[in-house]
């Protein structure tokens, strides 16, 4: 198996800073923002983005997690992780601009499940999507509003996002 690094730790840091600036430009009223990361790595990225946005604006951003495991349409398949808690900021999501944050956008099924999960939690003013990597191969009509890196890939390849908080290293790799 060959492994090729496509983003290093400094690349990820720079990419998150750019995405943070894009989010602030798209939603100047940052007090209305809520970042919801999809566990596991999306939750880590949403915390990092909240820190980046706070650094840019001087205002703390509400951040939480949205576990989508029970909303997936492929629960019968093997290989899913155990559900983790959904943590919504105290002010909730009603009439807020929710930015879903995930590590890799692939088929779109995880984001579809996240949209289903959001409807159980409240009614946001708008829902946006920020991803570190968009690798293509969509099965559903879902598009990210903020993309760190577009990474066309073959179905035979695996895109791996590794983050210090989970994996001990920051990098994005393609495994063939």
Protein backbone atom coordinates (compact mmCIF):
# COMPACT_ATOMS: atom_id res chain seq x y z
CA UNK A 1 0.00 0.00 0.00
CA UNK A 2 1.37 3.41 -0.93
CA UNK A 3 0.72 6.43 1.29
CA UNK A 4 1.07 9.99 0.02
CA UNK A 5 0.80 13.02 2.28
CA UNK A 6 -1.28 15.82 0.71
CA UNK A 7 -1.55 18.20 3.70
CA UNK A 8 0.98 18.66 6.48
CA UNK A 9 0.37 20.20 9.92
CA UNK A 10 1.20 23.76 8.72
CA UNK A 11 -1.03 23.21 5.65
CA UNK A 12 -3.95 22.20 7.88
CA UNK A 13 -3.42 25.20 10.15
CA UNK A 14 -3.30 27.57 7.17
CA UNK A 15 -6.36 25.92 5.62
CA UNK A 16 -8.41 26.26 8.81
CA UNK A 17 -7.43 29.93 9.07
CA UNK A 18 -8.63 30.49 5.48
CA UNK A 19 -11.90 28.66 6.14
CA UNK A 20 -12.36 30.73 9.31
CA UNK A 21 -11.95 33.95 7.30
CA UNK A 22 -14.44 32.66 4.70
CA UNK A 23 -17.00 31.88 7.40
CA UNK A 24 -16.61 35.35 8.93
CA UNK A 25 -16.98 36.98 5.51
CA UNK A 26 -20.12 34.94 4.78
CA UNK A 27 -21.63 35.63 8.23
CA UNK A 28 -20.42 39.02 9.50
CA UNK A 29 -22.83 38.75 12.46
CA UNK A 30 -20.65 36.09 14.12
CA UNK A 31 -22.77 36.09 17.27
CA UNK A 32 -25.38 34.17 15.24
CA UNK A 33 -22.90 31.39 14.35
CA UNK A 34 -22.96 27.89 15.78
CA UNK A 35 -20.32 25.40 14.68
CA UNK A 36 -21.35 21.74 14.96
CA UNK A 37 -18.65 19.18 14.33
CA UNK A 38 -19.46 15.66 13.25
CA UNK A 39 -17.54 13.23 15.48
CA UNK A 40 -14.80 12.28 15.55
CA UNK A 41 -12.49 14.50 13.53
CA UNK A 42 -15.16 17.00 12.48
CA UNK A 43 -15.71 17.75 16.17
CA UNK A 44 -11.99 18.47 16.61
CA UNK A 45 -11.98 20.67 13.50
CA UNK A 46 -15.02 22.64 14.71
CA UNK A 47 -13.24 23.43 18.00
CA UNK A 48 -10.17 24.58 16.08
CA UNK A 49 -12.33 26.69 13.76
CA UNK A 50 -14.08 28.27 16.74
CA UNK A 51 -10.65 29.29 18.08
CA UNK A 52 -9.60 30.66 14.67
CA UNK A 53 -12.81 32.70 14.37
CA UNK A 54 -12.39 34.01 17.92
CA UNK A 55 -8.84 35.01 17.02
CA UNK A 56 -10.09 36.84 13.90
CA UNK A 57 -13.09 38.57 15.47
CA UNK A 58 -12.31 38.70 19.17
CA UNK A 59 -15.67 37.02 19.81
CA UNK A 60 -16.14 33.47 21.13
CA UNK A 61 -18.18 31.27 18.82
CA UNK A 62 -20.62 28.64 20.06
CA UNK A 63 -19.40 25.17 19.13
CA UNK A 64 -20.71 21.70 19.75
CA UNK A 65 -21.00 18.25 18.24
CA UNK A 66 -23.70 16.50 16.26
CA UNK A 67 -23.56 12.72 16.26
CA UNK A 68 -25.26 11.40 13.13
CA UNK A 69 -24.88 7.66 13.73
CA UNK A 70 -28.56 6.99 14.40
CA UNK A 71 -29.66 9.10 11.41
CA UNK A 72 -27.61 7.18 8.86
CA UNK A 73 -29.40 5.25 6.12
CA UNK A 74 -26.80 2.49 6.14
CA UNK A 75 -26.94 1.32 9.76
CA UNK A 76 -27.40 -2.28 8.62
CA UNK A 77 -23.87 -2.24 7.19
CA UNK A 78 -20.87 -3.05 9.34
CA UNK A 79 -18.09 -0.74 10.36
CA UNK A 80 -19.89 2.05 12.19
CA UNK A 81 -18.60 3.43 15.45
CA UNK A 82 -20.64 3.58 18.62
CA UNK A 83 -22.72 6.75 18.98
CA UNK A 84 -21.16 9.60 20.89
CA UNK A 85 -23.06 12.38 22.65
CA UNK A 86 -24.51 15.28 20.71
CA UNK A 87 -23.58 18.52 22.45
CA UNK A 88 -25.56 21.58 21.41
CA UNK A 89 -24.51 24.99 22.78
CA UNK A 90 -26.75 26.29 25.56
CA UNK A 91 -28.38 28.93 23.32
CA UNK A 92 -29.51 26.18 20.92
CA UNK A 93 -29.66 26.38 17.13
CA UNK A 94 -33.01 28.09 16.52
CA UNK A 95 -32.64 31.11 14.21
CA UNK A 96 -28.85 30.68 14.19
CA UNK A 97 -26.48 30.10 11.28
CA UNK A 98 -25.26 26.55 11.80
CA UNK A 99 -22.01 25.50 10.16
CA UNK A 100 -21.65 21.73 10.01
CA UNK A 101 -17.97 20.78 10.13
CA UNK A 102 -16.54 17.48 8.92
CA UNK A 103 -13.17 16.18 7.87
CA UNK A 104 -13.91 14.56 4.47
CA UNK A 105 -16.87 15.04 2.15
CA UNK A 106 -17.32 11.91 0.06
CA UNK A 107 -20.73 10.43 -0.85
CA UNK A 108 -22.72 13.07 1.05
CA UNK A 109 -24.56 10.49 3.17
CA UNK A 110 -23.06 11.67 6.48
CA UNK A 111 -24.16 15.24 5.76
CA UNK A 112 -27.65 14.06 4.80
CA UNK A 113 -27.81 12.29 8.16
CA UNK A 114 -26.60 15.49 9.87
CA UNK A 115 -29.39 17.48 8.23
CA UNK A 116 -31.90 14.93 9.51
CA UNK A 117 -30.37 15.22 12.98
CA UNK A 118 -30.61 19.00 12.93
CA UNK A 119 -34.35 18.88 12.33
CA UNK A 120 -34.72 16.99 15.60
CA UNK A 121 -32.84 19.74 17.46
CA UNK A 122 -34.40 22.94 16.19
CA UNK A 123 -34.80 25.25 13.24
CA UNK A 124 -31.65 27.12 12.18
CA UNK A 125 -31.87 30.28 10.07
CA UNK A 126 -29.36 28.72 7.65
CA UNK A 127 -27.14 25.64 7.47
CA UNK A 128 -23.69 25.76 5.88
CA UNK A 129 -21.07 23.07 5.42
CA UNK A 130 -17.32 23.34 5.99
CA UNK A 131 -15.02 20.42 5.21
CA UNK A 132 -11.27 20.02 5.32
CA UNK A 133 -11.23 17.77 2.21
CA UNK A 134 -13.72 17.29 -0.61
CA UNK A 135 -12.80 14.13 -2.48
CA UNK A 136 -15.77 14.01 -4.87
CA UNK A 137 -17.84 10.90 -5.69
CA UNK A 138 -21.11 12.37 -4.44
CA UNK A 139 -24.15 10.11 -4.28
CA UNK A 140 -26.43 12.92 -3.09
CA UNK A 141 -26.77 16.54 -4.26
CA UNK A 142 -24.68 18.01 -1.43
CA UNK A 143 -22.00 20.68 -1.82
CA UNK A 144 -19.75 22.25 0.78
CA UNK A 145 -19.80 26.02 1.26
CA UNK A 146 -16.24 26.07 2.61
CA UNK A 147 -13.65 23.57 1.36
CA UNK A 148 -10.08 23.32 2.58
CA UNK A 149 -8.81 21.19 -0.30
CA UNK A 150 -10.50 19.66 -3.32
CA UNK A 151 -8.82 16.30 -3.72
CA UNK A 152 -10.03 14.29 -6.71
CA UNK A 153 -9.50 10.66 -5.87
CA UNK A 154 -10.20 7.21 -7.18
CA UNK A 155 -12.76 5.00 -5.46
CA UNK A 156 -9.89 2.58 -4.78
CA UNK A 157 -8.08 5.23 -2.72
CA UNK A 158 -8.73 6.14 0.90
CA UNK A 159 -8.34 9.70 2.17
CA UNK A 160 -7.17 9.75 5.77
CA UNK A 161 -7.34 12.81 8.01
CA UNK A 162 -5.20 12.51 11.10
CA UNK A 163 -5.40 15.10 13.85
CA UNK A 164 -3.17 15.52 16.89
CA UNK A 165 -6.08 15.34 19.33
CA UNK A 166 -7.10 11.90 18.03
CA UNK A 167 -4.15 10.43 16.14
CA UNK A 168 -1.09 12.20 17.53
CA UNK A 169 -0.22 13.91 14.23
CA UNK A 170 -1.77 16.50 11.89
CA UNK A 171 -1.83 15.38 8.27
CA UNK A 172 -4.03 14.35 5.38
CA UNK A 173 -2.91 11.32 3.41
CA UNK A 174 -4.09 9.37 0.40
CA UNK A 175 -3.67 5.62 0.66
CA UNK A 176 -3.75 3.60 -2.56
